[in-house]
Amino acid sequence: MIDEACSKHNVHESHYGNILIALTEAVNNAIHHGNRLDPTKQVTLGYEVKEGRIIFLVQDQGPGFDFEHLPDPTDPRTWRSPMDVGVPDACLGRRRGVQR
């Protein structure tokens, strides 16, 4: 899906690694935190293009969370572990989209 979106919409190759990392983190969070490792639940991936930006979508079957009120991912005092920056980074990346 990433290859298709990047190729079809002429995303510069320098963005590919960041997209891959962000989507990997988002999918892992969806599996672990959203679906709580329940093998009967699914994670859906997709993308849409709006106003010259590609917006990648990751949806799980969990209860959801308010990503507008997550702790500041750049403030180490809010980290429980070094892995805690993934959700905010993935959400912020999703809100910004990827500019072609």
C-alpha atoms as a PDB file:
ATOM      1  CA  MET A   1       0.000   0.000   0.000  1.00  0.00           C
ATOM      2  CA  ILE A   2       2.810   2.452   0.849  1.00  0.00           C
ATOM      3  CA  ASP A   3       4.568   1.709  -2.435  1.00  0.00           C
ATOM      4  CA  GLU A   4       1.336   2.185  -4.375  1.00  0.00           C
ATOM      5  CA  ALA A   5       0.485   5.492  -2.685  1.00  0.00           C
ATOM      6  CA  CYS A   6       3.994   6.904  -3.011  1.00  0.00           C
ATOM      7  CA  SER A   7       4.348   5.865  -6.634  1.00  0.00           C
ATOM      8  CA  LYS A   8       0.875   6.927  -7.718  1.00  0.00           C
ATOM      9  CA  HIS A   9       1.147  10.338  -6.055  1.00  0.00           C
ATOM     10  CA  ASN A  10       4.825  11.078  -6.765  1.00  0.00           C
ATOM     11  CA  VAL A  11       6.015  11.161  -3.146  1.00  0.00           C
ATOM     12  CA  HIS A  12       9.757  11.837  -3.007  1.00  0.00           C
ATOM     13  CA  GLU A  13      11.735   8.769  -1.952  1.00  0.00           C
ATOM     14  CA  SER A  14      13.204  10.658   1.000  1.00  0.00           C
ATOM     15  CA  HIS A  15       9.787  10.424   2.727  1.00  0.00           C
ATOM     16  CA  TYR A  16       9.435   6.660   2.326  1.00  0.00           C
ATOM     17  CA  GLY A  17      11.321   5.650   5.481  1.00  0.00           C
ATOM     18  CA  ASN A  18       9.385   8.070   7.670  1.00  0.00           C
ATOM     19  CA  ILE A  19       6.088   6.857   6.261  1.00  0.00           C
ATOM     20  CA  LEU A  20       7.081   3.242   6.833  1.00  0.00           C
ATOM     21  CA  ILE A  21       8.128   3.892  10.440  1.00  0.00           C
ATOM     22  CA  ALA A  22       4.980   5.891  11.248  1.00  0.00           C
ATOM     23  CA  LEU A  23       2.646   3.272   9.764  1.00  0.00           C
ATOM     24  CA  THR A  24       4.508   0.412  11.438  1.00  0.00           C
ATOM     25  CA  GLU A  25       4.141   2.181  14.788  1.00  0.00           C
ATOM     26  CA  ALA A  26       0.470   2.951  14.159  1.00  0.00           C
ATOM     27  CA  VAL A  27      -0.306  -0.659  13.191  1.00  0.00           C
ATOM     28  CA  ASN A  28       1.593  -2.028  16.197  1.00  0.00           C
ATOM     29  CA  ASN A  29      -0.337   0.326  18.477  1.00  0.00           C
ATOM     30  CA  ALA A  30      -3.618  -0.705  16.863  1.00  0.00           C
ATOM     31  CA  ILE A  31      -2.846  -4.388  17.435  1.00  0.00           C
ATOM     32  CA  HIS A  32      -1.479  -4.050  20.970  1.00  0.00           C
ATOM     33  CA  HIS A  33      -3.453  -1.179  22.469  1.00  0.00           C
ATOM     34  CA  GLY A  34      -6.574  -0.898  20.322  1.00  0.00           C
ATOM     35  CA  ASN A  35      -7.379  -4.548  19.722  1.00  0.00           C
ATOM     36  CA  ARG A  36      -5.555  -5.728  22.856  1.00  0.00           C
ATOM     37  CA  LEU A  37      -3.877  -8.569  20.918  1.00  0.00           C
ATOM     38  CA  ASP A  38      -7.283 -10.133  20.213  1.00  0.00           C
ATOM     39  CA  PRO A  39      -6.783 -12.336  17.119  1.00  0.00           C
ATOM     40  CA  THR A  40     -10.482 -12.066  16.246  1.00  0.00           C
ATOM     41  CA  LYS A  41     -10.174  -8.292  15.734  1.00  0.00           C
ATOM     42  CA  GLN A  42      -8.848  -6.638  12.591  1.00  0.00           C
ATOM     43  CA  VAL A  43      -6.764  -3.600  11.729  1.00  0.00           C
ATOM     44  CA  THR A  44      -7.729  -1.780   8.540  1.00  0.00           C
ATOM     45  CA  LEU A  45      -5.219   0.243   6.512  1.00  0.00           C
ATOM     46  CA  GLY A  46      -5.915   2.748   3.807  1.00  0.00           C
ATOM     47  CA  TYR A  47      -5.106   6.184   2.496  1.00  0.00           C
ATOM     48  CA  GLU A  48      -6.826   9.162   0.980  1.00  0.00           C
ATOM     49  CA  VAL A  49      -5.608  12.235  -0.836  1.00  0.00           C
ATOM     50  CA  LYS A  50      -6.844  15.664   0.244  1.00  0.00           C
ATOM     51  CA  GLU A  51      -5.537  19.039  -0.819  1.00  0.00           C
ATOM     52  CA  GLY A  52      -2.288  17.643  -2.221  1.00  0.00           C
ATOM     53  CA  ARG A  53      -1.557  15.495   0.847  1.00  0.00           C
ATOM     54  CA  ILE A  54      -1.656  11.759   1.327  1.00  0.00           C
ATOM     55  CA  ILE A  55      -3.333  10.812   4.585  1.00  0.00           C
ATOM     56  CA  PHE A  56      -2.684   7.258   5.712  1.00  0.00           C
ATOM     57  CA  LEU A  57      -5.447   5.709   7.808  1.00  0.00           C
ATOM     58  CA  VAL A  58      -5.128   2.980  10.438  1.00  0.00           C
ATOM     59  CA  GLN A  59      -8.285   1.774  12.147  1.00  0.00           C
ATOM     60  CA  ASP A  60      -8.627  -0.845  14.869  1.00  0.00           C
ATOM     61  CA  GLN A  61     -11.656  -2.250  16.675  1.00  0.00           C
ATOM     62  CA  GLY A  62     -10.737  -0.851  20.077  1.00  0.00           C
ATOM     63  CA  PRO A  63     -12.501   1.823  22.151  1.00  0.00           C
ATOM     64  CA  GLY A  64     -10.387   4.663  20.756  1.00  0.00           C
ATOM     65  CA  PHE A  65      -8.590   7.537  22.463  1.00  0.00           C
ATOM     66  CA  ASP A  66      -8.519  11.311  22.329  1.00  0.00           C
ATOM     67  CA  PHE A  67      -5.345  12.049  20.345  1.00  0.00           C
ATOM     68  CA  GLU A  68      -5.895  15.785  20.744  1.00  0.00           C
ATOM     69  CA  HIS A  69      -5.044  15.512  24.453  1.00  0.00           C
ATOM     70  CA  LEU A  70      -2.000  13.236  24.512  1.00  0.00           C
ATOM     71  CA  PRO A  71       1.060  14.294  26.511  1.00  0.00           C
ATOM     72  CA  ASP A  72       3.742  16.316  24.722  1.00  0.00           C
ATOM     73  CA  PRO A  73       5.881  13.686  22.926  1.00  0.00           C
ATOM     74  CA  THR A  74       8.938  15.961  23.078  1.00  0.00           C
ATOM     75  CA  ASP A  75       8.853  16.208  26.902  1.00  0.00           C
ATOM     76  CA  PRO A  76      10.798  13.274  28.433  1.00  0.00           C
ATOM     77  CA  ARG A  77       8.989  13.829  31.752  1.00  0.00           C
ATOM     78  CA  THR A  78       5.816  12.439  30.146  1.00  0.00           C
ATOM     79  CA  TRP A  79       7.466   9.195  28.994  1.00  0.00           C
ATOM     80  CA  ARG A  80       6.881   6.013  30.927  1.00  0.00           C
ATOM     81  CA  SER A  81       9.422   4.356  28.645  1.00  0.00           C
ATOM     82  CA  PRO A  82      11.369   5.315  25.496  1.00  0.00           C
ATOM     83  CA  MET A  83       8.584   3.660  23.470  1.00  0.00           C
ATOM     84  CA  ASP A  84       5.948   6.162  24.642  1.00  0.00           C
ATOM     85  CA  VAL A  85       6.676   8.663  21.864  1.00  0.00           C
ATOM     86  CA  GLY A  86       5.171   6.426  19.182  1.00  0.00           C
ATOM     87  CA  VAL A  87       1.485   7.204  19.564  1.00  0.00           C
ATOM     88  CA  PRO A  88       1.884  10.990  19.572  1.00  0.00           C
ATOM     89  CA  ASP A  89       4.355  10.900  16.693  1.00  0.00           C
ATOM     90  CA  ALA A  90       2.064   8.668  14.643  1.00  0.00           C
ATOM     91  CA  CYS A  91      -0.975  10.838  15.376  1.00  0.00           C
ATOM     92  CA  LEU A  92       0.820  14.069  14.649  1.00  0.00           C
ATOM     93  CA  GLY A  93       2.101  12.634  11.390  1.00  0.00           C
ATOM     94  CA  ARG A  94      -1.403  11.552  10.471  1.00  0.00           C
ATOM     95  CA  ARG A  95      -2.851  14.978  11.144  1.00  0.00           C
ATOM     96  CA  ARG A  96      -0.154  16.705   9.098  1.00  0.00           C
ATOM     97  CA  GLY A  97      -0.300  14.275   6.196  1.00  0.00           C
ATOM     98  CA  VAL A  98       2.510  13.868   3.723  1.00  0.00           C
ATOM     99  CA  GLN A  99       3.065  16.640   1.272  1.00  0.00           C
ATOM    100  CA  ARG A 100       4.030  15.590  -2.233  1.00  0.00           C
END
